[in-house]
């Protein structure tokens, strides 16, 4: 049996961008769920690193009140 990939371009039809189609069944199997969790965890870790870097930058660069004019 021929699939859509085996057919010439004229017979396939305009289905948008076939290389960028989302396989909805992928997100329901264990590998897809693991990928979703990994992405969410990665976003949280990046947010924590950015927040920590901002706080360190703010603490190091902001003048402390005890430094005043001496």
Foldseek 3Di string as FASTA:
>chain_A
DDDLVRDPPVPNDCPDDVVPDDDVVLCVDPVNVVVVVVVVVVVVVVVVVVVVVVVVCCVVVPDDPVVPDD
